C-alpha cells in the first residue's frame, strides 16, 4: 500500500508574516508624516484621540499594503527583493492575506469615523482604495506613470492627520499632500534605476524599463526642481515660520544637487556603479523625515 499524494500547503504563518504584510518600513513613514500633520495643525487635540487617529492611519496603511501583496503575489515571486515575502515564499495562504487586509482597512475607517470624524475617515478610505485598487491593480501594471499618479496614495497621511485635528480641509494639508506627491517620483525612480532588472523580469513598466535611464534621470531632476519652491510654499504663504523655511531651503537644495548628479551620471547597474542613485534614494528618505520634523519644530518653537 502506497501513501497517496497530497497537495502542497503553505507553511504556517506566524505573527512576523502578518507584520510583514503591513510593510513596516513604509508604515513607519506613514505614521511619521501623519503624526507631523496632526501636530503641525494650529489646534490642540486630546492625546487619546490623537493616538487613535494615528493608529487608524497606521492600520489603514497596513491593510492596504496587505491587499497590495495579496494582489501582487505572482509579481513578487519574480523579483529578488520581494521573493521572500510571506505569500510568494509560500508561508501564508492568499485568502488569509486578503481577509487580513480587508479587515484592517474596514476597521481603521470605522474607528476613525466613530472616534475622530467622518471627514478624516472618508479621506482615509480614499487613500486605502487609491493604493490597493487605483495604484496596485490599475496603474502599476499598465503605465510608467504609475509612480507619478499613484504617488497620491502615500501623500494622504499628513492630510489625514491635519484633518483629524482640525476637522476641516485647508491650504496647509493640501500643500503637505503636494510635497509628498512631487517627492515620490524621484524617490522611487532612484530605486527603480538600480533594481531595474527586477521590474523588467516581472514585466512592470517602471520608467527606467520603458523610457530608459536617460529619460528617467531627466525626469528625476525635473521633479526635484519643482519640489524646491513647493517645499518653500508654506513659508512664503505664511503658514509656517522661518525655521521651517530655512530648513526646507537647505534640504531641498541638497535634494536638487543629488538629483542633478543622477541626471548627469552615465553609469548603469550592469557595471555595478549606481552610487548617485543609491545616495539620492537614501537621502530622499532622510529628506522627508527631516522636512516634516522641522515643520513640527517650527510649530512648537515659533508658533
C-alpha atoms as a PDB file:
ATOM      1  CA  UNK A   1       0.000   0.000   0.000  1.00  0.00           C
ATOM      2  CA  UNK A   2       1.397   3.390  -1.015  1.00  0.00           C
ATOM      3  CA  UNK A   3       0.734   6.758   0.540  1.00  0.00           C
ATOM      4  CA  UNK A   4      -1.498   8.996  -1.568  1.00  0.00           C
ATOM      5  CA  UNK A   5      -0.059  12.259  -2.801  1.00  0.00           C
ATOM      6  CA  UNK A   6      -1.276  15.356  -1.016  1.00  0.00           C
ATOM      7  CA  UNK A   7      -1.240  18.872  -2.431  1.00  0.00           C
ATOM      8  CA  UNK A   8       1.349  21.257  -1.088  1.00  0.00           C
ATOM      9  CA  UNK A   9       0.023  23.631   1.532  1.00  0.00           C
ATOM     10  CA  UNK A  10       1.520  26.873   2.766  1.00  0.00           C
ATOM     11  CA  UNK A  11       3.731  26.696   5.789  1.00  0.00           C
ATOM     12  CA  UNK A  12       2.037  28.037   8.915  1.00  0.00           C
ATOM     13  CA  UNK A  13       2.366  31.805   9.129  1.00  0.00           C
ATOM     14  CA  UNK A  14       3.347  33.443  12.390  1.00  0.00           C
ATOM     15  CA  UNK A  15       2.973  36.988  13.672  1.00  0.00           C
ATOM     16  CA  UNK A  16       6.079  38.121  11.808  1.00  0.00           C
ATOM     17  CA  UNK A  17       4.490  37.190   8.498  1.00  0.00           C
ATOM     18  CA  UNK A  18       1.355  39.157   9.307  1.00  0.00           C
ATOM     19  CA  UNK A  19       3.532  42.091  10.340  1.00  0.00           C
ATOM     20  CA  UNK A  20       5.468  41.772   7.085  1.00  0.00           C
ATOM     21  CA  UNK A  21       2.220  42.044   5.134  1.00  0.00           C
ATOM     22  CA  UNK A  22       1.740  45.545   6.529  1.00  0.00           C
ATOM     23  CA  UNK A  23       5.129  46.714   5.147  1.00  0.00           C
ATOM     24  CA  UNK A  24       6.509  48.085   8.452  1.00  0.00           C
ATOM     25  CA  UNK A  25       9.180  50.269   6.828  1.00  0.00           C
ATOM     26  CA  UNK A  26       6.620  52.027   4.671  1.00  0.00           C
ATOM     27  CA  UNK A  27       4.254  52.207   7.632  1.00  0.00           C
ATOM     28  CA  UNK A  28       6.898  53.998   9.718  1.00  0.00           C
ATOM     29  CA  UNK A  29       6.964  56.813   7.157  1.00  0.00           C
ATOM     30  CA  UNK A  30       3.161  56.882   7.035  1.00  0.00           C
ATOM     31  CA  UNK A  31       2.934  57.096  10.825  1.00  0.00           C
ATOM     32  CA  UNK A  32       5.555  59.829  10.989  1.00  0.00           C
ATOM     33  CA  UNK A  33       4.068  62.073   8.305  1.00  0.00           C
ATOM     34  CA  UNK A  34       0.558  61.516   9.667  1.00  0.00           C
ATOM     35  CA  UNK A  35       1.741  62.438  13.162  1.00  0.00           C
ATOM     36  CA  UNK A  36       3.501  65.534  11.829  1.00  0.00           C
ATOM     37  CA  UNK A  37       0.330  66.619  10.070  1.00  0.00           C
ATOM     38  CA  UNK A  38      -1.597  66.205  13.290  1.00  0.00           C
ATOM     39  CA  UNK A  39       0.977  68.014  15.461  1.00  0.00           C
ATOM     40  CA  UNK A  40       1.543  70.858  12.996  1.00  0.00           C
ATOM     41  CA  UNK A  41      -2.163  71.735  12.976  1.00  0.00           C
ATOM     42  CA  UNK A  42      -2.854  75.002  14.856  1.00  0.00           C
ATOM     43  CA  UNK A  43      -5.169  73.354  17.383  1.00  0.00           C
ATOM     44  CA  UNK A  44      -4.891  71.156  20.431  1.00  0.00           C
ATOM     45  CA  UNK A  45      -6.202  67.598  20.210  1.00  0.00           C
ATOM     46  CA  UNK A  46      -6.859  65.251  23.099  1.00  0.00           C
ATOM     47  CA  UNK A  47      -3.849  62.880  23.354  1.00  0.00           C
ATOM     48  CA  UNK A  48      -6.049  59.776  23.350  1.00  0.00           C
ATOM     49  CA  UNK A  49      -7.924  60.950  20.269  1.00  0.00           C
ATOM     50  CA  UNK A  50      -4.638  61.890  18.628  1.00  0.00           C
ATOM     51  CA  UNK A  51      -3.216  58.446  19.330  1.00  0.00           C
ATOM     52  CA  UNK A  52      -6.399  56.874  17.956  1.00  0.00           C
ATOM     53  CA  UNK A  53      -6.160  58.908  14.753  1.00  0.00           C
ATOM     54  CA  UNK A  54      -2.534  57.906  14.132  1.00  0.00           C
ATOM     55  CA  UNK A  55      -3.325  54.280  14.962  1.00  0.00           C
ATOM     56  CA  UNK A  56      -6.124  54.315  12.389  1.00  0.00           C
ATOM     57  CA  UNK A  57      -3.784  55.808   9.766  1.00  0.00           C
ATOM     58  CA  UNK A  58      -1.215  53.089  10.520  1.00  0.00           C
ATOM     59  CA  UNK A  59      -3.752  50.248  10.470  1.00  0.00           C
ATOM     60  CA  UNK A  60      -5.295  51.550   7.245  1.00  0.00           C
ATOM     61  CA  UNK A  61      -1.862  51.724   5.628  1.00  0.00           C
ATOM     62  CA  UNK A  62      -1.125  48.189   6.819  1.00  0.00           C
ATOM     63  CA  UNK A  63      -4.404  46.932   5.427  1.00  0.00           C
ATOM     64  CA  UNK A  64      -3.812  48.448   2.007  1.00  0.00           C
ATOM     65  CA  UNK A  65      -0.246  47.050   1.998  1.00  0.00           C
ATOM     66  CA  UNK A  66      -1.596  43.566   2.739  1.00  0.00           C
ATOM     67  CA  UNK A  67      -4.066  43.878  -0.144  1.00  0.00           C
ATOM     68  CA  UNK A  68      -1.222  45.075  -2.372  1.00  0.00           C
ATOM     69  CA  UNK A  69       0.817  41.963  -1.560  1.00  0.00           C
ATOM     70  CA  UNK A  70      -2.220  39.695  -1.967  1.00  0.00           C
ATOM     71  CA  UNK A  71      -2.794  41.016  -5.478  1.00  0.00           C
ATOM     72  CA  UNK A  72       0.892  41.028  -6.473  1.00  0.00           C
ATOM     73  CA  UNK A  73       1.873  37.577  -5.189  1.00  0.00           C
ATOM     74  CA  UNK A  74       2.903  36.336  -8.631  1.00  0.00           C
ATOM     75  CA  UNK A  75       4.837  39.526  -9.421  1.00  0.00           C
ATOM     76  CA  UNK A  76       6.619  39.453  -6.068  1.00  0.00           C
ATOM     77  CA  UNK A  77       7.730  35.881  -6.736  1.00  0.00           C
ATOM     78  CA  UNK A  78       9.590  37.080  -9.848  1.00  0.00           C
ATOM     79  CA  UNK A  79      11.599  39.806  -8.123  1.00  0.00           C
ATOM     80  CA  UNK A  80      14.623  39.095  -5.961  1.00  0.00           C
ATOM     81  CA  UNK A  81      13.900  41.815  -3.390  1.00  0.00           C
ATOM     82  CA  UNK A  82      10.301  40.609  -2.803  1.00  0.00           C
ATOM     83  CA  UNK A  83      10.517  36.852  -3.351  1.00  0.00           C
ATOM     84  CA  UNK A  84      10.825  36.105   0.375  1.00  0.00           C
ATOM     85  CA  UNK A  85       7.659  37.902   1.365  1.00  0.00           C
ATOM     86  CA  UNK A  86       5.132  35.616   3.106  1.00  0.00           C
ATOM     87  CA  UNK A  87       2.917  34.977   0.063  1.00  0.00           C
ATOM     88  CA  UNK A  88       5.468  34.284  -2.708  1.00  0.00           C
ATOM     89  CA  UNK A  89       7.562  32.286  -0.219  1.00  0.00           C
ATOM     90  CA  UNK A  90       4.534  30.064   0.491  1.00  0.00           C
ATOM     91  CA  UNK A  91       4.266  30.799   4.200  1.00  0.00           C
ATOM     92  CA  UNK A  92       0.718  32.102   4.029  1.00  0.00           C
ATOM     93  CA  UNK A  93      -2.491  31.372   2.163  1.00  0.00           C
ATOM     94  CA  UNK A  94      -3.586  34.181  -0.166  1.00  0.00           C
ATOM     95  CA  UNK A  95      -7.139  34.159   1.160  1.00  0.00           C
ATOM     96  CA  UNK A  96      -5.860  34.746   4.674  1.00  0.00           C
ATOM     97  CA  UNK A  97      -3.798  37.710   3.471  1.00  0.00           C
ATOM     98  CA  UNK A  98      -6.761  39.159   1.573  1.00  0.00           C
ATOM     99  CA  UNK A  99      -9.115  38.857   4.536  1.00  0.00           C
ATOM    100  CA  UNK A 100      -6.462  40.301   6.854  1.00  0.00           C
ATOM    101  CA  UNK A 101      -6.062  43.320   4.574  1.00  0.00           C
ATOM    102  CA  UNK A 102      -9.798  43.888   4.243  1.00  0.00           C
ATOM    103  CA  UNK A 103     -10.310  43.542   7.994  1.00  0.00           C
ATOM    104  CA  UNK A 104      -7.612  46.074   8.840  1.00  0.00           C
ATOM    105  CA  UNK A 105      -8.850  48.515   6.205  1.00  0.00           C
ATOM    106  CA  UNK A 106     -12.505  48.416   7.236  1.00  0.00           C
ATOM    107  CA  UNK A 107     -11.702  48.570  10.957  1.00  0.00           C
ATOM    108  CA  UNK A 108      -9.425  51.585  10.536  1.00  0.00           C
ATOM    109  CA  UNK A 109     -12.058  53.580   8.654  1.00  0.00           C
ATOM    110  CA  UNK A 110     -14.860  52.712  11.057  1.00  0.00           C
ATOM    111  CA  UNK A 111     -12.843  53.576  14.167  1.00  0.00           C
ATOM    112  CA  UNK A 112     -11.608  56.804  12.582  1.00  0.00           C
ATOM    113  CA  UNK A 113     -15.158  57.802  11.740  1.00  0.00           C
ATOM    114  CA  UNK A 114     -16.644  56.943  15.116  1.00  0.00           C
ATOM    115  CA  UNK A 115     -13.822  58.309  17.267  1.00  0.00           C
ATOM    116  CA  UNK A 116     -12.463  61.242  15.246  1.00  0.00           C
ATOM    117  CA  UNK A 117     -14.835  62.275  12.470  1.00  0.00           C
ATOM    118  CA  UNK A 118     -16.205  61.081   9.170  1.00  0.00           C
ATOM    119  CA  UNK A 119     -14.283  63.590   7.052  1.00  0.00           C
ATOM    120  CA  UNK A 120     -10.962  62.140   8.227  1.00  0.00           C
ATOM    121  CA  UNK A 121     -12.424  58.638   7.832  1.00  0.00           C
ATOM    122  CA  UNK A 122     -13.510  59.392   4.259  1.00  0.00           C
ATOM    123  CA  UNK A 123     -10.039  60.627   3.285  1.00  0.00           C
ATOM    124  CA  UNK A 124      -8.533  57.531   4.942  1.00  0.00           C
ATOM    125  CA  UNK A 125     -10.894  55.298   2.934  1.00  0.00           C
ATOM    126  CA  UNK A 126      -9.936  57.116  -0.269  1.00  0.00           C
ATOM    127  CA  UNK A 127      -6.231  56.610   0.495  1.00  0.00           C
ATOM    128  CA  UNK A 128      -6.741  52.869   1.026  1.00  0.00           C
ATOM    129  CA  UNK A 129      -8.693  52.437  -2.200  1.00  0.00           C
ATOM    130  CA  UNK A 130      -6.210  54.638  -4.045  1.00  0.00           C
ATOM    131  CA  UNK A 131      -3.281  52.403  -3.078  1.00  0.00           C
ATOM    132  CA  UNK A 132      -4.928  48.987  -3.119  1.00  0.00           C
ATOM    133  CA  UNK A 133      -7.025  49.471  -6.249  1.00  0.00           C
ATOM    134  CA  UNK A 134      -6.074  52.537  -8.310  1.00  0.00           C
ATOM    135  CA  UNK A 135      -2.309  52.096  -7.954  1.00  0.00           C
ATOM    136  CA  UNK A 136      -1.879  48.346  -7.409  1.00  0.00           C
ATOM    137  CA  UNK A 137      -4.479  46.956  -9.805  1.00  0.00           C
ATOM    138  CA  UNK A 138      -4.844  49.670 -12.414  1.00  0.00           C
ATOM    139  CA  UNK A 139      -1.763  51.911 -12.678  1.00  0.00           C
ATOM    140  CA  UNK A 140       1.246  49.806 -11.723  1.00  0.00           C
ATOM    141  CA  UNK A 141       0.946  47.106 -14.395  1.00  0.00           C
ATOM    142  CA  UNK A 142      -0.201  49.470 -17.163  1.00  0.00           C
ATOM    143  CA  UNK A 143       1.765  52.719 -17.280  1.00  0.00           C
ATOM    144  CA  UNK A 144       5.250  54.057 -16.498  1.00  0.00           C
ATOM    145  CA  UNK A 145       3.447  56.985 -14.877  1.00  0.00           C
ATOM    146  CA  UNK A 146       2.300  54.593 -12.131  1.00  0.00           C
ATOM    147  CA  UNK A 147       4.501  56.216  -9.505  1.00  0.00           C
ATOM    148  CA  UNK A 148       3.558  59.751 -10.572  1.00  0.00           C
ATOM    149  CA  UNK A 149      -0.197  59.249 -10.384  1.00  0.00           C
ATOM    150  CA  UNK A 150      -0.003  56.626  -7.661  1.00  0.00           C
ATOM    151  CA  UNK A 151       2.109  58.944  -5.513  1.00  0.00           C
ATOM    152  CA  UNK A 152      -1.108  60.334  -4.134  1.00  0.00           C
ATOM    153  CA  UNK A 153      -1.542  57.183  -2.061  1.00  0.00           C
ATOM    154  CA  UNK A 154       1.473  57.997   0.094  1.00  0.00           C
ATOM    155  CA  UNK A 155       0.661  61.698   0.235  1.00  0.00           C
ATOM    156  CA  UNK A 156      -2.570  61.339   2.198  1.00  0.00           C
ATOM    157  CA  UNK A 157      -1.276  60.650   5.783  1.00  0.00           C
ATOM    158  CA  UNK A 158      -0.293  64.227   6.760  1.00  0.00           C
ATOM    159  CA  UNK A 159      -3.539  65.491   5.265  1.00  0.00           C
ATOM    160  CA  UNK A 160      -5.498  62.937   7.301  1.00  0.00           C
ATOM    161  CA  UNK A 161      -3.568  63.856  10.459  1.00  0.00           C
ATOM    162  CA  UNK A 162      -4.282  67.568   9.942  1.00  0.00           C
ATOM    163  CA  UNK A 163      -7.987  66.949   9.254  1.00  0.00           C
ATOM    164  CA  UNK A 164      -8.228  64.658  12.282  1.00  0.00           C
ATOM    165  CA  UNK A 165      -7.002  67.559  14.431  1.00  0.00           C
ATOM    166  CA  UNK A 166      -8.934  70.407  12.825  1.00  0.00           C
ATOM    167  CA  UNK A 167     -11.972  68.730  11.295  1.00  0.00           C
ATOM    168  CA  UNK A 168     -11.565  70.620   8.020  1.00  0.00           C
ATOM    169  CA  UNK A 169      -9.560  70.815   4.808  1.00  0.00           C
ATOM    170  CA  UNK A 170      -7.439  73.967   4.434  1.00  0.00           C
ATOM    171  CA  UNK A 171      -4.444  75.151   2.440  1.00  0.00           C
ATOM    172  CA  UNK A 172      -1.724  73.606   4.610  1.00  0.00           C
ATOM    173  CA  UNK A 173      -2.758  69.929   4.359  1.00  0.00           C
ATOM    174  CA  UNK A 174      -3.079  70.369   0.590  1.00  0.00           C
ATOM    175  CA  UNK A 175       0.494  71.690   0.494  1.00  0.00           C
ATOM    176  CA  UNK A 176       1.727  68.767   2.586  1.00  0.00           C
ATOM    177  CA  UNK A 177      -0.021  66.401   0.195  1.00  0.00           C
ATOM    178  CA  UNK A 178       1.601  68.145  -2.779  1.00  0.00           C
ATOM    179  CA  UNK A 179       5.094  67.997  -1.263  1.00  0.00           C
ATOM    180  CA  UNK A 180       4.940  64.215  -0.866  1.00  0.00           C
ATOM    181  CA  UNK A 181       3.282  63.864  -4.269  1.00  0.00           C
ATOM    182  CA  UNK A 182       6.202  65.596  -6.013  1.00  0.00           C
ATOM    183  CA  UNK A 183       8.791  63.909  -3.776  1.00  0.00           C
ATOM    184  CA  UNK A 184       7.571  60.420  -4.676  1.00  0.00           C
ATOM    185  CA  UNK A 185       8.754  60.119  -8.332  1.00  0.00           C
ATOM    186  CA  UNK A 186      12.419  60.966  -7.674  1.00  0.00           C
ATOM    187  CA  UNK A 187      12.391  58.768  -4.573  1.00  0.00           C
ATOM    188  CA  UNK A 188      11.028  55.689  -6.341  1.00  0.00           C
ATOM    189  CA  UNK A 189      12.717  56.233  -9.693  1.00  0.00           C
ATOM    190  CA  UNK A 190      16.093  56.423  -7.952  1.00  0.00           C
ATOM    191  CA  UNK A 191      15.311  52.987  -6.515  1.00  0.00           C
ATOM    192  CA  UNK A 192      13.992  51.722  -9.858  1.00  0.00           C
ATOM    193  CA  UNK A 193      17.231  52.687 -11.593  1.00  0.00           C
ATOM    194  CA  UNK A 194      19.314  50.263  -9.537  1.00  0.00           C
ATOM    195  CA  UNK A 195      16.718  47.460  -9.350  1.00  0.00           C
ATOM    196  CA  UNK A 196      15.588  47.844 -12.953  1.00  0.00           C
ATOM    197  CA  UNK A 197      16.229  44.205 -13.806  1.00  0.00           C
ATOM    198  CA  UNK A 198      13.762  43.104 -11.126  1.00  0.00           C
ATOM    199  CA  UNK A 199      10.991  45.243 -12.599  1.00  0.00           C
ATOM    200  CA  UNK A 200      11.837  44.169 -16.159  1.00  0.00           C
ATOM    201  CA  UNK A 201      11.777  40.498 -15.184  1.00  0.00           C
ATOM    202  CA  UNK A 202       8.358  40.918 -13.558  1.00  0.00           C
ATOM    203  CA  UNK A 203       7.004  42.843 -16.533  1.00  0.00           C
ATOM    204  CA  UNK A 204       6.262  46.004 -14.547  1.00  0.00           C
ATOM    205  CA  UNK A 205       6.502  49.113 -16.781  1.00  0.00           C
ATOM    206  CA  UNK A 206       8.553  51.275 -14.453  1.00  0.00           C
ATOM    207  CA  UNK A 207      10.039  54.367 -16.046  1.00  0.00           C
ATOM    208  CA  UNK A 208      13.644  53.071 -16.454  1.00  0.00           C
ATOM    209  CA  UNK A 209      12.325  49.902 -18.142  1.00  0.00           C
ATOM    210  CA  UNK A 210      10.040  51.733 -20.576  1.00  0.00           C
ATOM    211  CA  UNK A 211      11.739  55.095 -21.181  1.00  0.00           C
ATOM    212  CA  UNK A 212      15.354  54.237 -20.388  1.00  0.00           C
ATOM    213  CA  UNK A 213      17.846  55.628 -17.904  1.00  0.00           C
ATOM    214  CA  UNK A 214      18.487  58.968 -19.584  1.00  0.00           C
ATOM    215  CA  UNK A 215      14.834  59.977 -19.674  1.00  0.00           C
ATOM    216  CA  UNK A 216      14.269  58.754 -16.108  1.00  0.00           C
ATOM    217  CA  UNK A 217      17.203  60.750 -14.791  1.00  0.00           C
ATOM    218  CA  UNK A 218      15.982  63.903 -16.515  1.00  0.00           C
ATOM    219  CA  UNK A 219      12.522  63.445 -15.027  1.00  0.00           C
ATOM    220  CA  UNK A 220      14.015  62.929 -11.570  1.00  0.00           C
ATOM    221  CA  UNK A 221      15.764  66.283 -11.959  1.00  0.00           C
ATOM    222  CA  UNK A 222      12.569  67.958 -13.200  1.00  0.00           C
ATOM    223  CA  UNK A 223      10.604  66.841 -10.157  1.00  0.00           C
ATOM    224  CA  UNK A 224      13.434  67.913  -7.839  1.00  0.00           C
ATOM    225  CA  UNK A 225      13.368  71.382  -9.430  1.00  0.00           C
ATOM    226  CA  UNK A 226       9.612  71.621  -8.832  1.00  0.00           C
ATOM    227  CA  UNK A 227       9.934  70.285  -5.303  1.00  0.00           C
ATOM    228  CA  UNK A 228      12.222  73.101  -4.136  1.00  0.00           C
ATOM    229  CA  UNK A 229       9.739  76.013  -4.477  1.00  0.00           C
ATOM    230  CA  UNK A 230       6.854  73.768  -3.452  1.00  0.00           C
ATOM    231  CA  UNK A 231       8.587  72.840  -0.198  1.00  0.00           C
ATOM    232  CA  UNK A 232       9.043  76.570   0.497  1.00  0.00           C
ATOM    233  CA  UNK A 233       5.390  77.390  -0.210  1.00  0.00           C
ATOM    234  CA  UNK A 234       4.250  77.015   3.448  1.00  0.00           C
ATOM    235  CA  UNK A 235       6.831  79.673   4.408  1.00  0.00           C
ATOM    236  CA  UNK A 236       6.029  82.000   1.509  1.00  0.00           C
ATOM    237  CA  UNK A 237       2.298  81.740   2.225  1.00  0.00           C
ATOM    238  CA  UNK A 238       2.882  82.465   5.942  1.00  0.00           C
ATOM    239  CA  UNK A 239       1.520  79.156   7.188  1.00  0.00           C
ATOM    240  CA  UNK A 240       4.970  78.146   8.513  1.00  0.00           C
ATOM    241  CA  UNK A 241       7.774  80.160  10.072  1.00  0.00           C
ATOM    242  CA  UNK A 242      11.402  80.923   9.284  1.00  0.00           C
ATOM    243  CA  UNK A 243      12.741  77.755  10.952  1.00  0.00           C
ATOM    244  CA  UNK A 244      10.799  75.586   8.538  1.00  0.00           C
ATOM    245  CA  UNK A 245      11.591  77.905   5.626  1.00  0.00           C
ATOM    246  CA  UNK A 246      15.352  77.818   6.207  1.00  0.00           C
ATOM    247  CA  UNK A 247      15.318  74.061   6.710  1.00  0.00           C
ATOM    248  CA  UNK A 248      13.240  73.491   3.583  1.00  0.00           C
ATOM    249  CA  UNK A 249      15.630  75.615   1.524  1.00  0.00           C
ATOM    250  CA  UNK A 250      18.726  73.715   2.687  1.00  0.00           C
ATOM    251  CA  UNK A 251      17.154  70.247   2.496  1.00  0.00           C
ATOM    252  CA  UNK A 252      15.570  70.809  -0.908  1.00  0.00           C
ATOM    253  CA  UNK A 253      18.695  72.396  -2.368  1.00  0.00           C
ATOM    254  CA  UNK A 254      20.697  69.314  -1.399  1.00  0.00           C
ATOM    255  CA  UNK A 255      17.945  67.106  -2.851  1.00  0.00           C
ATOM    256  CA  UNK A 256      18.270  69.072  -6.090  1.00  0.00           C
ATOM    257  CA  UNK A 257      22.060  68.727  -6.141  1.00  0.00           C
ATOM    258  CA  UNK A 258      21.872  64.954  -5.664  1.00  0.00           C
ATOM    259  CA  UNK A 259      19.216  64.747  -8.390  1.00  0.00           C
ATOM    260  CA  UNK A 260      21.458  66.770 -10.694  1.00  0.00           C
ATOM    261  CA  UNK A 261      24.260  64.283 -10.043  1.00  0.00           C
ATOM    262  CA  UNK A 262      21.907  61.460 -11.026  1.00  0.00           C
ATOM    263  CA  UNK A 263      20.805  63.338 -14.152  1.00  0.00           C
ATOM    264  CA  UNK A 264      24.354  63.738 -15.492  1.00  0.00           C
ATOM    265  CA  UNK A 265      25.629  60.325 -14.385  1.00  0.00           C
ATOM    266  CA  UNK A 266      26.171  57.694 -17.053  1.00  0.00           C
ATOM    267  CA  UNK A 267      26.741  54.540 -15.022  1.00  0.00           C
ATOM    268  CA  UNK A 268      24.465  51.523 -15.033  1.00  0.00           C
ATOM    269  CA  UNK A 269      23.501  48.580 -12.891  1.00  0.00           C
ATOM    270  CA  UNK A 270      25.435  46.388 -15.312  1.00  0.00           C
ATOM    271  CA  UNK A 271      28.781  47.946 -14.391  1.00  0.00           C
ATOM    272  CA  UNK A 272      27.837  47.974 -10.725  1.00  0.00           C
ATOM    273  CA  UNK A 273      28.258  51.725 -10.220  1.00  0.00           C
ATOM    274  CA  UNK A 274      24.917  53.160  -9.100  1.00  0.00           C
ATOM    275  CA  UNK A 275      26.237  55.290  -6.253  1.00  0.00           C
ATOM    276  CA  UNK A 276      24.469  58.544  -7.231  1.00  0.00           C
ATOM    277  CA  UNK A 277      21.110  56.771  -7.446  1.00  0.00           C
ATOM    278  CA  UNK A 278      21.643  54.999  -4.123  1.00  0.00           C
ATOM    279  CA  UNK A 279      22.706  58.242  -2.456  1.00  0.00           C
ATOM    280  CA  UNK A 280      19.624  60.022  -3.754  1.00  0.00           C
ATOM    281  CA  UNK A 281      17.333  57.198  -2.657  1.00  0.00           C
ATOM    282  CA  UNK A 282      18.838  57.119   0.831  1.00  0.00           C
ATOM    283  CA  UNK A 283      18.791  60.897   1.164  1.00  0.00           C
ATOM    284  CA  UNK A 284      15.211  61.131  -0.086  1.00  0.00           C
ATOM    285  CA  UNK A 285      14.016  59.139   2.932  1.00  0.00           C
ATOM    286  CA  UNK A 286      16.022  61.359   5.293  1.00  0.00           C
ATOM    287  CA  UNK A 287      14.740  64.432   3.457  1.00  0.00           C
ATOM    288  CA  UNK A 288      11.085  63.699   4.082  1.00  0.00           C
ATOM    289  CA  UNK A 289      11.627  62.813   7.738  1.00  0.00           C
ATOM    290  CA  UNK A 290      13.726  65.950   8.302  1.00  0.00           C
ATOM    291  CA  UNK A 291      11.407  68.292   6.416  1.00  0.00           C
ATOM    292  CA  UNK A 292       8.318  67.212   8.338  1.00  0.00           C
ATOM    293  CA  UNK A 293      10.201  67.150  11.637  1.00  0.00           C
ATOM    294  CA  UNK A 294      11.198  70.776  11.090  1.00  0.00           C
ATOM    295  CA  UNK A 295       7.595  71.651  10.318  1.00  0.00           C
ATOM    296  CA  UNK A 296       6.591  70.364  13.761  1.00  0.00           C
ATOM    297  CA  UNK A 297       9.593  72.051  15.417  1.00  0.00           C
ATOM    298  CA  UNK A 298       8.602  75.308  13.759  1.00  0.00           C
ATOM    299  CA  UNK A 299       5.050  74.973  15.096  1.00  0.00           C
ATOM    300  CA  UNK A 300       6.119  74.348  18.702  1.00  0.00           C
ATOM    301  CA  UNK A 301       9.177  76.589  18.900  1.00  0.00           C
ATOM    302  CA  UNK A 302       7.868  79.557  16.957  1.00  0.00           C
ATOM    303  CA  UNK A 303       4.109  79.075  16.974  1.00  0.00           C
END
